[in-house]
Amino acid sequence: MSTLHLYHWENTVGLKHRIKLMNQEDSLVIYGHVTEAELNAIQGIFTRIGINWYLVNNPNEPHINDNCINHDDWLKLIISNQNCFAWK
């Protein structure tokens, strides 16, 4: 059974520690301020491990890749997943 993990962004160190909680069928939604350098690091991490991830982006900003979602998409992900786990 898959779980949607929700992470209020802190840093890549926190991400690497918590990523151990995820299975291959899980997905991660990151929200909060992420710098471009951090975004590149996130993309590299998830490309290597093959887990779905999304970054909640301001709906007025251009979506630079398929992993950027708006608040409506975020709500749809929460509704479509039976299990959600919030990281702090």
PDB file of N, CA and C in Angstrom:
ATOM      1  N   MET A   1       0.841  -1.174   0.000  1.00  0.00           N
ATOM      2  CA  MET A   1       0.000   0.000   0.000  1.00  0.00           C
ATOM      3  C   MET A   1       0.892   1.245   0.000  1.00  0.00           C
ATOM      4  N   SER A   2       0.577   2.190  -0.855  1.00  0.00           N
ATOM      5  CA  SER A   2       1.411   3.385  -0.971  1.00  0.00           C
ATOM      6  C   SER A   2       0.996   4.450   0.044  1.00  0.00           C
ATOM      7  N   THR A   3       1.949   5.290   0.360  1.00  0.00           N
ATOM      8  CA  THR A   3       1.741   6.383   1.305  1.00  0.00           C
ATOM      9  C   THR A   3       2.199   7.682   0.662  1.00  0.00           C
ATOM     10  N   LEU A   4       1.444   8.732   0.892  1.00  0.00           N
ATOM     11  CA  LEU A   4       1.843  10.061   0.460  1.00  0.00           C
ATOM     12  C   LEU A   4       2.540  10.729   1.639  1.00  0.00           C
ATOM     13  N   HIS A   5       3.812  11.031   1.474  1.00  0.00           N
ATOM     14  CA  HIS A   5       4.600  11.685   2.518  1.00  0.00           C
ATOM     15  C   HIS A   5       4.586  13.184   2.259  1.00  0.00           C
ATOM     16  N   LEU A   6       4.362  13.968   3.296  1.00  0.00           N
ATOM     17  CA  LEU A   6       4.324  15.423   3.196  1.00  0.00           C
ATOM     18  C   LEU A   6       5.489  15.984   4.000  1.00  0.00           C
ATOM     19  N   TYR A   7       6.302  16.826   3.373  1.00  0.00           N
ATOM     20  CA  TYR A   7       7.501  17.337   4.034  1.00  0.00           C
ATOM     21  C   TYR A   7       7.572  18.848   3.935  1.00  0.00           C
ATOM     22  N   HIS A   8       7.474  19.523   5.086  1.00  0.00           N
ATOM     23  CA  HIS A   8       7.708  20.964   5.116  1.00  0.00           C
ATOM     24  C   HIS A   8       9.209  21.156   5.043  1.00  0.00           C
ATOM     25  N   TRP A   9       9.671  21.706   3.937  1.00  0.00           N
ATOM     26  CA  TRP A   9      11.085  21.738   3.598  1.00  0.00           C
ATOM     27  C   TRP A   9      11.937  22.374   4.683  1.00  0.00           C
ATOM     28  N   GLU A  10      13.023  21.673   5.025  1.00  0.00           N
ATOM     29  CA  GLU A  10      14.062  22.205   5.904  1.00  0.00           C
ATOM     30  C   GLU A  10      15.377  22.264   5.132  1.00  0.00           C
ATOM     31  N   ASN A  11      15.868  21.070   4.739  1.00  0.00           N
ATOM     32  CA  ASN A  11      17.133  21.003   4.002  1.00  0.00           C
ATOM     33  C   ASN A  11      17.337  19.591   3.465  1.00  0.00           C
ATOM     34  N   THR A  12      18.381  19.407   2.665  1.00  0.00           N
ATOM     35  CA  THR A  12      18.630  18.090   2.070  1.00  0.00           C
ATOM     36  C   THR A  12      19.084  17.071   3.105  1.00  0.00           C
ATOM     37  N   VAL A  13      19.701  17.517   4.197  1.00  0.00           N
ATOM     38  CA  VAL A  13      20.111  16.581   5.258  1.00  0.00           C
ATOM     39  C   VAL A  13      18.872  15.938   5.873  1.00  0.00           C
ATOM     40  N   GLY A  14      17.873  16.766   6.193  1.00  0.00           N
ATOM     41  CA  GLY A  14      16.623  16.243   6.736  1.00  0.00           C
ATOM     42  C   GLY A  14      15.933  15.306   5.765  1.00  0.00           C
ATOM     43  N   LEU A  15      15.979  15.652   4.495  1.00  0.00           N
ATOM     44  CA  LEU A  15      15.379  14.806   3.465  1.00  0.00           C
ATOM     45  C   LEU A  15      16.056  13.440   3.424  1.00  0.00           C
ATOM     46  N   LYS A  16      17.375  13.423   3.431  1.00  0.00           N
ATOM     47  CA  LYS A  16      18.111  12.156   3.349  1.00  0.00           C
ATOM     48  C   LYS A  16      17.842  11.261   4.550  1.00  0.00           C
ATOM     49  N   HIS A  17      17.652  11.849   5.728  1.00  0.00           N
ATOM     50  CA  HIS A  17      17.342  11.053   6.917  1.00  0.00           C
ATOM     51  C   HIS A  17      15.942  10.449   6.836  1.00  0.00           C
ATOM     52  N   ARG A  18      14.997  11.225   6.348  1.00  0.00           N
ATOM     53  CA  ARG A  18      13.600  10.784   6.337  1.00  0.00           C
ATOM     54  C   ARG A  18      13.253   9.911   5.138  1.00  0.00           C
ATOM     55  N   ILE A  19      14.054   9.976   4.105  1.00  0.00           N
ATOM     56  CA  ILE A  19      13.770   9.203   2.899  1.00  0.00           C
ATOM     57  C   ILE A  19      13.779   7.699   3.183  1.00  0.00           C
ATOM     58  N   LYS A  20      14.453   7.318   4.245  1.00  0.00           N
ATOM     59  CA  LYS A  20      14.503   5.909   4.645  1.00  0.00           C
ATOM     60  C   LYS A  20      13.128   5.393   5.056  1.00  0.00           C
ATOM     61  N   LEU A  21      12.196   6.291   5.333  1.00  0.00           N
ATOM     62  CA  LEU A  21      10.841   5.914   5.725  1.00  0.00           C
ATOM     63  C   LEU A  21       9.972   5.545   4.526  1.00  0.00           C
ATOM     64  N   MET A  22      10.480   5.776   3.319  1.00  0.00           N
ATOM     65  CA  MET A  22       9.676   5.604   2.113  1.00  0.00           C
ATOM     66  C   MET A  22       9.928   4.269   1.426  1.00  0.00           C
ATOM     67  N   ASN A  23       8.868   3.765   0.788  1.00  0.00           N
ATOM     68  CA  ASN A  23       8.947   2.581  -0.068  1.00  0.00           C
ATOM     69  C   ASN A  23       8.883   3.031  -1.524  1.00  0.00           C
ATOM     70  N   GLN A  24       9.222   2.145  -2.442  1.00  0.00           N
ATOM     71  CA  GLN A  24       9.236   2.467  -3.872  1.00  0.00           C
ATOM     72  C   GLN A  24       7.882   2.943  -4.391  1.00  0.00           C
ATOM     73  N   GLU A  25       6.780   2.446  -3.831  1.00  0.00           N
ATOM     74  CA  GLU A  25       5.458   2.823  -4.334  1.00  0.00           C
ATOM     75  C   GLU A  25       4.924   4.113  -3.701  1.00  0.00           C
ATOM     76  N   ASP A  26       5.658   4.691  -2.758  1.00  0.00           N
ATOM     77  CA  ASP A  26       5.244   5.921  -2.087  1.00  0.00           C
ATOM     78  C   ASP A  26       5.535   7.147  -2.950  1.00  0.00           C
ATOM     79  N   SER A  27       4.968   8.267  -2.545  1.00  0.00           N
ATOM     80  CA  SER A  27       5.233   9.559  -3.181  1.00  0.00           C
ATOM     81  C   SER A  27       5.517  10.590  -2.094  1.00  0.00           C
ATOM     82  N   LEU A  28       6.250  11.632  -2.471  1.00  0.00           N
ATOM     83  CA  LEU A  28       6.594  12.694  -1.532  1.00  0.00           C
ATOM     84  C   LEU A  28       6.157  14.038  -2.088  1.00  0.00           C
ATOM     85  N   VAL A  29       5.504  14.836  -1.244  1.00  0.00           N
ATOM     86  CA  VAL A  29       5.162  16.214  -1.578  1.00  0.00           C
ATOM     87  C   VAL A  29       5.987  17.115  -0.668  1.00  0.00           C
ATOM     88  N   ILE A  30       6.765  18.006  -1.277  1.00  0.00           N
ATOM     89  CA  ILE A  30       7.585  18.962  -0.539  1.00  0.00           C
ATOM     90  C   ILE A  30       6.923  20.329  -0.655  1.00  0.00           C
ATOM     91  N   TYR A  31       6.772  21.007   0.476  1.00  0.00           N
ATOM     92  CA  TYR A  31       6.235  22.362   0.452  1.00  0.00           C
ATOM     93  C   TYR A  31       7.113  23.260   1.315  1.00  0.00           C
ATOM     94  N   GLY A  32       7.126  24.531   0.997  1.00  0.00           N
ATOM     95  CA  GLY A  32       8.003  25.480   1.670  1.00  0.00           C
ATOM     96  C   GLY A  32       9.006  26.033   0.674  1.00  0.00           C
ATOM     97  N   HIS A  33       9.862  26.928   1.132  1.00  0.00           N
ATOM     98  CA  HIS A  33      10.826  27.580   0.243  1.00  0.00           C
ATOM     99  C   HIS A  33      11.994  26.649  -0.073  1.00  0.00           C
ATOM    100  N   VAL A  34      12.201  26.402  -1.356  1.00  0.00           N
ATOM    101  CA  VAL A  34      13.302  25.560  -1.836  1.00  0.00           C
ATOM    102  C   VAL A  34      14.122  26.401  -2.814  1.00  0.00           C
ATOM    103  N   THR A  35      15.420  26.482  -2.581  1.00  0.00           N
ATOM    104  CA  THR A  35      16.284  27.232  -3.500  1.00  0.00           C
ATOM    105  C   THR A  35      16.522  26.414  -4.767  1.00  0.00           C
ATOM    106  N   GLU A  36      17.038  27.060  -5.782  1.00  0.00           N
ATOM    107  CA  GLU A  36      17.325  26.347  -7.034  1.00  0.00           C
ATOM    108  C   GLU A  36      18.381  25.266  -6.826  1.00  0.00           C
ATOM    109  N   ALA A  37      19.391  25.542  -6.016  1.00  0.00           N
ATOM    110  CA  ALA A  37      20.425  24.539  -5.730  1.00  0.00           C
ATOM    111  C   ALA A  37      19.826  23.343  -4.994  1.00  0.00           C
ATOM    112  N   GLU A  38      18.920  23.618  -4.047  1.00  0.00           N
ATOM    113  CA  GLU A  38      18.261  22.526  -3.326  1.00  0.00           C
ATOM    114  C   GLU A  38      17.371  21.726  -4.268  1.00  0.00           C
ATOM    115  N   LEU A  39      16.682  22.411  -5.176  1.00  0.00           N
ATOM    116  CA  LEU A  39      15.832  21.727  -6.152  1.00  0.00           C
ATOM    117  C   LEU A  39      16.662  20.789  -7.018  1.00  0.00           C
ATOM    118  N   ASN A  40      17.826  21.228  -7.445  1.00  0.00           N
ATOM    119  CA  ASN A  40      18.712  20.365  -8.234  1.00  0.00           C
ATOM    120  C   ASN A  40      19.149  19.150  -7.433  1.00  0.00           C
ATOM    121  N   ALA A  41      19.445  19.339  -6.148  1.00  0.00           N
ATOM    122  CA  ALA A  41      19.833  18.215  -5.288  1.00  0.00           C
ATOM    123  C   ALA A  41      18.675  17.237  -5.120  1.00  0.00           C
ATOM    124  N   ILE A  42      17.466  17.764  -4.928  1.00  0.00           N
ATOM    125  CA  ILE A  42      16.276  16.914  -4.779  1.00  0.00           C
ATOM    126  C   ILE A  42      16.068  16.086  -6.041  1.00  0.00           C
ATOM    127  N   GLN A  43      16.165  16.722  -7.196  1.00  0.00           N
ATOM    128  CA  GLN A  43      15.992  16.007  -8.461  1.00  0.00           C
ATOM    129  C   GLN A  43      17.012  14.885  -8.590  1.00  0.00           C
ATOM    130  N   GLY A  44      18.246  15.144  -8.225  1.00  0.00           N
ATOM    131  CA  GLY A  44      19.281  14.117  -8.293  1.00  0.00           C
ATOM    132  C   GLY A  44      19.001  12.946  -7.377  1.00  0.00           C
ATOM    133  N   ILE A  45      18.573  13.235  -6.160  1.00  0.00           N
ATOM    134  CA  ILE A  45      18.272  12.179  -5.187  1.00  0.00           C
ATOM    135  C   ILE A  45      17.152  11.291  -5.703  1.00  0.00           C
ATOM    136  N   PHE A  46      16.053  11.902  -6.141  1.00  0.00           N
ATOM    137  CA  PHE A  46      14.896  11.108  -6.546  1.00  0.00           C
ATOM    138  C   PHE A  46      15.077  10.438  -7.898  1.00  0.00           C
ATOM    139  N   THR A  47      15.922  10.973  -8.746  1.00  0.00           N
ATOM    140  CA  THR A  47      16.252  10.291  -9.998  1.00  0.00           C
ATOM    141  C   THR A  47      16.986   8.988  -9.693  1.00  0.00           C
ATOM    142  N   ARG A  48      17.888   9.031  -8.726  1.00  0.00           N
ATOM    143  CA  ARG A  48      18.649   7.826  -8.356  1.00  0.00           C
ATOM    144  C   ARG A  48      17.780   6.759  -7.703  1.00  0.00           C
ATOM    145  N   ILE A  49      16.857   7.160  -6.821  1.00  0.00           N
ATOM    146  CA  ILE A  49      16.092   6.153  -6.078  1.00  0.00           C
ATOM    147  C   ILE A  49      14.767   5.794  -6.735  1.00  0.00           C
ATOM    148  N   GLY A  50      14.302   6.593  -7.674  1.00  0.00           N
ATOM    149  CA  GLY A  50      13.108   6.243  -8.441  1.00  0.00           C
ATOM    150  C   GLY A  50      11.790   6.352  -7.695  1.00  0.00           C
ATOM    151  N   ILE A  51      11.682   7.284  -6.764  1.00  0.00           N
ATOM    152  CA  ILE A  51      10.428   7.503  -6.037  1.00  0.00           C
ATOM    153  C   ILE A  51       9.785   8.784  -6.568  1.00  0.00           C
ATOM    154  N   ASN A  52       8.453   8.758  -6.728  1.00  0.00           N
ATOM    155  CA  ASN A  52       7.725   9.936  -7.199  1.00  0.00           C
ATOM    156  C   ASN A  52       7.805  11.056  -6.170  1.00  0.00           C
ATOM    157  N   TRP A  53       8.010  12.271  -6.641  1.00  0.00           N
ATOM    158  CA  TRP A  53       8.056  13.423  -5.746  1.00  0.00           C
ATOM    159  C   TRP A  53       7.464  14.634  -6.447  1.00  0.00           C
ATOM    160  N   TYR A  54       6.976  15.559  -5.635  1.00  0.00           N
ATOM    161  CA  TYR A  54       6.348  16.774  -6.146  1.00  0.00           C
ATOM    162  C   TYR A  54       6.744  17.951  -5.264  1.00  0.00           C
ATOM    163  N   LEU A  55       6.853  19.109  -5.866  1.00  0.00           N
ATOM    164  CA  LEU A  55       7.134  20.348  -5.149  1.00  0.00           C
ATOM    165  C   LEU A  55       5.943  21.269  -5.325  1.00  0.00           C
ATOM    166  N   VAL A  56       5.337  21.682  -4.218  1.00  0.00           N
ATOM    167  CA  VAL A  56       4.212  22.609  -4.288  1.00  0.00           C
ATOM    168  C   VAL A  56       4.767  23.986  -4.619  1.00  0.00           C
ATOM    169  N   ASN A  57       4.298  24.509  -5.742  1.00  0.00           N
ATOM    170  CA  ASN A  57       4.794  25.772  -6.267  1.00  0.00           C
ATOM    171  C   ASN A  57       3.659  26.786  -6.257  1.00  0.00           C
ATOM    172  N   ASN A  58       3.981  28.050  -6.178  1.00  0.00           N
ATOM    173  CA  ASN A  58       2.981  29.100  -6.277  1.00  0.00           C
ATOM    174  C   ASN A  58       2.277  28.979  -7.626  1.00  0.00           C
ATOM    175  N   PRO A  59       0.938  28.936  -7.636  1.00  0.00           N
ATOM    176  CA  PRO A  59       0.224  28.755  -8.909  1.00  0.00           C
ATOM    177  C   PRO A  59       0.480  29.860  -9.925  1.00  0.00           C
ATOM    178  N   ASN A  60       0.931  31.024  -9.472  1.00  0.00           N
ATOM    179  CA  ASN A  60       1.192  32.122 -10.404  1.00  0.00           C
ATOM    180  C   ASN A  60       2.573  32.040 -11.034  1.00  0.00           C
ATOM    181  N   GLU A  61       3.417  31.180 -10.501  1.00  0.00           N
ATOM    182  CA  GLU A  61       4.757  31.027 -11.047  1.00  0.00           C
ATOM    183  C   GLU A  61       4.744  29.956 -12.136  1.00  0.00           C
ATOM    184  N   PRO A  62       5.614  30.068 -13.125  1.00  0.00           N
ATOM    185  CA  PRO A  62       5.657  29.024 -14.161  1.00  0.00           C
ATOM    186  C   PRO A  62       6.143  27.701 -13.577  1.00  0.00           C
ATOM    187  N   HIS A  63       5.560  26.622 -14.049  1.00  0.00           N
ATOM    188  CA  HIS A  63       5.971  25.294 -13.597  1.00  0.00           C
ATOM    189  C   HIS A  63       7.107  24.835 -14.500  1.00  0.00           C
ATOM    190  N   ILE A  64       8.293  24.721 -13.919  1.00  0.00           N
ATOM    191  CA  ILE A  64       9.475  24.448 -14.726  1.00  0.00           C
ATOM    192  C   ILE A  64       9.664  22.974 -15.041  1.00  0.00           C
ATOM    193  N   ASN A  65       8.966  22.105 -14.319  1.00  0.00           N
ATOM    194  CA  ASN A  65       9.062  20.682 -14.635  1.00  0.00           C
ATOM    195  C   ASN A  65       7.811  19.960 -14.157  1.00  0.00           C
ATOM    196  N   ASP A  66       7.694  18.689 -14.501  1.00  0.00           N
ATOM    197  CA  ASP A  66       6.507  17.901 -14.161  1.00  0.00           C
ATOM    198  C   ASP A  66       6.362  17.672 -12.668  1.00  0.00           C
ATOM    199  N   ASN A  67       7.409  17.877 -11.899  1.00  0.00           N
ATOM    200  CA  ASN A  67       7.348  17.640 -10.466  1.00  0.00           C
ATOM    201  C   ASN A  67       6.762  18.821  -9.699  1.00  0.00           C
ATOM    202  N   CYS A  68       6.616  19.975 -10.330  1.00  0.00           N
ATOM    203  CA  CYS A  68       6.031  21.140  -9.674  1.00  0.00           C
ATOM    204  C   CYS A  68       4.517  21.088  -9.806  1.00  0.00           C
ATOM    205  N   ILE A  69       3.838  21.230  -8.677  1.00  0.00           N
ATOM    206  CA  ILE A  69       2.375  21.192  -8.660  1.00  0.00           C
ATOM    207  C   ILE A  69       1.865  22.433  -7.931  1.00  0.00           C
ATOM    208  N   ASN A  70       0.580  22.724  -8.116  1.00  0.00           N
ATOM    209  CA  ASN A  70      -0.017  23.838  -7.385  1.00  0.00           C
ATOM    210  C   ASN A  70      -0.822  23.292  -6.203  1.00  0.00           C
ATOM    211  N   HIS A  71      -1.464  24.180  -5.461  1.00  0.00           N
ATOM    212  CA  HIS A  71      -2.190  23.758  -4.262  1.00  0.00           C
ATOM    213  C   HIS A  71      -3.373  22.839  -4.591  1.00  0.00           C
ATOM    214  N   ASP A  72      -4.029  23.056  -5.721  1.00  0.00           N
ATOM    215  CA  ASP A  72      -5.140  22.181  -6.120  1.00  0.00           C
ATOM    216  C   ASP A  72      -4.648  20.765  -6.399  1.00  0.00           C
ATOM    217  N   ASP A  73      -3.512  20.653  -7.085  1.00  0.00           N
ATOM    218  CA  ASP A  73      -2.935  19.331  -7.358  1.00  0.00           C
ATOM    219  C   ASP A  73      -2.543  18.632  -6.060  1.00  0.00           C
ATOM    220  N   TRP A  74      -2.022  19.398  -5.122  1.00  0.00           N
ATOM    221  CA  TRP A  74      -1.623  18.862  -3.818  1.00  0.00           C
ATOM    222  C   TRP A  74      -2.838  18.266  -3.111  1.00  0.00           C
ATOM    223  N   LEU A  75      -3.945  18.992  -3.112  1.00  0.00           N
ATOM    224  CA  LEU A  75      -5.167  18.498  -2.485  1.00  0.00           C
ATOM    225  C   LEU A  75      -5.653  17.220  -3.170  1.00  0.00           C
ATOM    226  N   LYS A  76      -5.578  17.166  -4.491  1.00  0.00           N
ATOM    227  CA  LYS A  76      -5.978  15.959  -5.226  1.00  0.00           C
ATOM    228  C   LYS A  76      -5.124  14.761  -4.826  1.00  0.00           C
ATOM    229  N   LEU A  77      -3.823  14.980  -4.636  1.00  0.00           N
ATOM    230  CA  LEU A  77      -2.940  13.893  -4.198  1.00  0.00           C
ATOM    231  C   LEU A  77      -3.329  13.396  -2.810  1.00  0.00           C
ATOM    232  N   ILE A  78      -3.633  14.312  -1.904  1.00  0.00           N
ATOM    233  CA  ILE A  78      -4.030  13.918  -0.547  1.00  0.00           C
ATOM    234  C   ILE A  78      -5.314  13.102  -0.592  1.00  0.00           C
ATOM    235  N   ILE A  79      -6.282  13.554  -1.369  1.00  0.00           N
ATOM    236  CA  ILE A  79      -7.566  12.855  -1.466  1.00  0.00           C
ATOM    237  C   ILE A  79      -7.401  11.478  -2.101  1.00  0.00           C
ATOM    238  N   SER A  80      -6.513  11.353  -3.078  1.00  0.00           N
ATOM    239  CA  SER A  80      -6.369  10.089  -3.808  1.00  0.00           C
ATOM    240  C   SER A  80      -5.530   9.044  -3.069  1.00  0.00           C
ATOM    241  N   ASN A  81      -4.887   9.415  -1.974  1.00  0.00           N
ATOM    242  CA  ASN A  81      -4.073   8.472  -1.209  1.00  0.00           C
ATOM    243  C   ASN A  81      -4.747   8.147   0.116  1.00  0.00           C
ATOM    244  N   GLN A  82      -4.850   6.855   0.415  1.00  0.00           N
ATOM    245  CA  GLN A  82      -5.463   6.448   1.677  1.00  0.00           C
ATOM    246  C   GLN A  82      -4.573   6.787   2.866  1.00  0.00           C
ATOM    247  N   ASN A  83      -3.274   6.727   2.672  1.00  0.00           N
ATOM    248  CA  ASN A  83      -2.337   6.970   3.764  1.00  0.00           C
ATOM    249  C   ASN A  83      -1.526   8.224   3.492  1.00  0.00           C
ATOM    250  N   CYS A  84      -1.453   9.097   4.484  1.00  0.00           N
ATOM    251  CA  CYS A  84      -0.589  10.274   4.415  1.00  0.00           C
ATOM    252  C   CYS A  84       0.261  10.311   5.677  1.00  0.00           C
ATOM    253  N   PHE A  85       1.498  10.729   5.517  1.00  0.00           N
ATOM    254  CA  PHE A  85       2.431  10.803   6.633  1.00  0.00           C
ATOM    255  C   PHE A  85       3.159  12.135   6.540  1.00  0.00           C
ATOM    256  N   ALA A  86       3.009  12.982   7.557  1.00  0.00           N
ATOM    257  CA  ALA A  86       3.657  14.296   7.545  1.00  0.00           C
ATOM    258  C   ALA A  86       4.970  14.240   8.308  1.00  0.00           C
ATOM    259  N   TRP A  87       6.025  14.753   7.679  1.00  0.00           N
ATOM    260  CA  TRP A  87       7.335  14.840   8.316  1.00  0.00           C
ATOM    261  C   TRP A  87       7.460  16.208   8.952  1.00  0.00           C
ATOM    262  N   LYS A  88       8.115  16.244  10.087  1.00  0.00           N
ATOM    263  CA  LYS A  88       8.330  17.521  10.758  1.00  0.00           C
ATOM    264  C   LYS A  88       9.785  17.794  10.942  1.00  0.00           C
TER     265      LYS A  88
END
